[in-house]
Protein backbone atom coordinates (compact mmCIF):
# COMPACT_ATOMS: atom_id res chain seq x y z
CA MET A 1 -47.32 9.28 7.17
CA SER A 2 -48.75 11.21 4.37
CA ASN A 3 -48.69 14.25 5.81
CA LEU A 4 -44.88 13.79 7.46
CA LEU A 5 -44.62 13.98 3.77
CA PHE A 6 -46.39 16.92 3.15
CA VAL A 7 -43.99 18.91 5.94
CA LEU A 8 -41.24 17.64 3.80
CA CYS A 9 -42.24 18.23 1.13
CA ALA A 10 -42.34 21.82 2.25
CA ALA A 11 -39.59 21.81 4.28
CA LEU A 12 -37.33 20.85 0.74
CA ILE A 13 -39.23 23.55 -1.24
CA GLY A 14 -38.70 26.01 1.64
CA ALA A 15 -34.79 24.92 1.83
CA GLY A 16 -34.47 25.73 -1.55
CA ILE A 17 -36.03 28.59 -2.01
CA MET A 18 -33.92 29.87 1.24
CA GLY A 19 -30.56 28.91 -1.25
CA VAL A 20 -31.81 30.49 -4.47
CA LEU A 21 -32.56 34.23 -1.74
CA VAL A 22 -29.10 33.69 0.45
CA LYS A 23 -26.68 32.49 -2.13
CA LYS A 24 -24.41 34.29 -4.13
CA ASN A 25 -23.16 31.67 -6.05
CA MET A 26 -24.60 31.10 -9.01
CA LEU A 27 -24.20 27.12 -9.28
CA LYS A 28 -25.35 27.48 -5.73
CA ILE A 29 -28.57 29.00 -6.41
CA ILE A 30 -28.62 26.50 -9.37
CA ILE A 31 -28.69 23.43 -7.21
CA ALA A 32 -31.13 25.46 -4.41
CA LEU A 33 -33.65 25.21 -7.85
CA SER A 34 -33.06 21.87 -8.93
CA VAL A 35 -33.79 20.88 -4.92
CA ILE A 36 -37.41 23.53 -5.20
CA ASP A 37 -37.97 20.98 -8.48
CA SER A 38 -37.69 18.08 -6.30
CA GLY A 39 -39.85 19.14 -3.31
CA VAL A 40 -42.88 19.70 -5.61
CA ASN A 41 -42.42 16.95 -7.77
CA MET A 42 -42.45 14.96 -4.09
CA PHE A 43 -45.84 16.34 -3.07
CA ILE A 44 -47.18 15.87 -7.00
CA ILE A 45 -46.05 12.17 -6.60
CA THR A 46 -47.39 12.53 -2.47
CA ARG A 47 -50.89 14.15 -3.90
CA GLY A 48 -51.05 11.48 -6.18
CA TYR A 49 -51.19 7.77 -3.83
CA VAL A 50 -54.16 5.79 -3.36
CA ASP A 51 -53.01 3.67 -0.23
CA SER A 52 -54.59 -0.01 -1.24
CA CYS A 53 -55.05 0.82 -4.83
CA THR A 54 -53.30 -0.13 -8.38
CA ALA A 55 -52.46 0.62 -11.27
CA PRO A 56 -54.62 1.14 -13.88
CA ILE A 57 -53.87 -0.98 -16.20
CA LEU A 58 -57.02 -2.73 -16.72
CA GLU A 59 -57.19 -6.75 -18.16
CA SER A 60 -60.17 -8.66 -19.51
CA GLY A 61 -62.24 -10.40 -16.83
CA LYS A 62 -60.66 -8.39 -13.76
CA SER A 63 -62.38 -5.91 -11.65
CA PHE A 64 -60.38 -3.14 -9.42
CA SER A 65 -62.50 -1.19 -6.83
CA CYS A 66 -60.19 1.05 -6.31
CA LEU A 67 -57.74 2.48 -9.32
CA VAL A 68 -54.85 5.28 -9.04
CA ASP A 69 -55.47 8.00 -11.09
CA PRO A 70 -52.13 8.21 -13.49
CA ILE A 71 -51.72 12.02 -14.38
CA PRO A 72 -49.92 12.98 -11.24
CA GLN A 73 -47.07 10.34 -12.53
CA ALA A 74 -47.73 12.20 -15.74
CA LEU A 75 -47.34 15.44 -14.90
CA THR A 76 -44.31 14.05 -12.89
CA LEU A 77 -42.57 12.07 -15.31
CA THR A 78 -42.75 15.81 -17.47
CA SER A 79 -41.72 18.35 -14.60
CA ILE A 80 -38.48 15.86 -14.65
CA VAL A 81 -37.28 16.38 -18.22
CA ILE A 82 -38.33 20.31 -17.81
CA GLY A 83 -36.68 20.56 -14.37
CA ALA A 84 -33.22 18.61 -16.45
CA SER A 85 -33.34 20.80 -19.58
CA VAL A 86 -33.94 24.14 -17.34
CA THR A 87 -31.17 22.75 -15.15
CA ALA A 88 -28.54 22.07 -17.94
CA LEU A 89 -29.39 25.62 -19.99
CA ALA A 90 -28.63 27.34 -16.08
CA LEU A 91 -25.74 25.48 -16.09
CA SER A 92 -24.81 26.58 -19.90
CA LEU A 93 -25.62 29.64 -18.79
CA ALA A 94 -23.56 29.88 -15.81
CA ILE A 95 -20.02 28.52 -17.61
CA GLY A 96 -20.60 31.11 -20.52
CA LEU A 97 -20.74 33.58 -16.97
CA TYR A 98 -17.78 31.95 -16.25
CA LYS A 99 -15.86 32.69 -19.07
CA ASN A 100 -16.92 36.01 -19.75
CA ARG A 101 -16.64 37.95 -16.09
CA GLY A 102 -13.95 34.90 -15.04
CA THR A 103 -16.85 34.77 -11.62
CA LEU A 104 -19.46 32.89 -10.74
CA SER A 105 -20.43 35.37 -8.17
CA ILE A 106 -23.47 37.72 -8.08
CA LYS A 107 -21.72 40.84 -7.35
CA GLY A 108 -19.02 39.64 -10.20
CA ILE A 109 -21.86 40.10 -13.00
CA GLU A 110 -22.49 44.17 -12.77
CA LYS A 111 -19.20 45.09 -13.63
């Protein structure tokens, strides 16, 4: 099952990279960057998953044989916040470009 998830992560990242390289519209490029971000987040979470382990919430009197590492979850949460900020900034730049040039095409920026 985990190999299937890794293939799905790679497919998302690959589709996003193809979108960035092939598309000429700024909004489609921003969406492709968001897809890459989602694929990377999914990969981090998939790597941090350990089957039949519990969350690292320690209580007195209980002992656990296997705990999940919380660092991948914290990194993913941070990555989601950064990705949302970068997407908002890119969209605001695209709006400014549209107001200045009247187009969202990459070719229209050169004029």
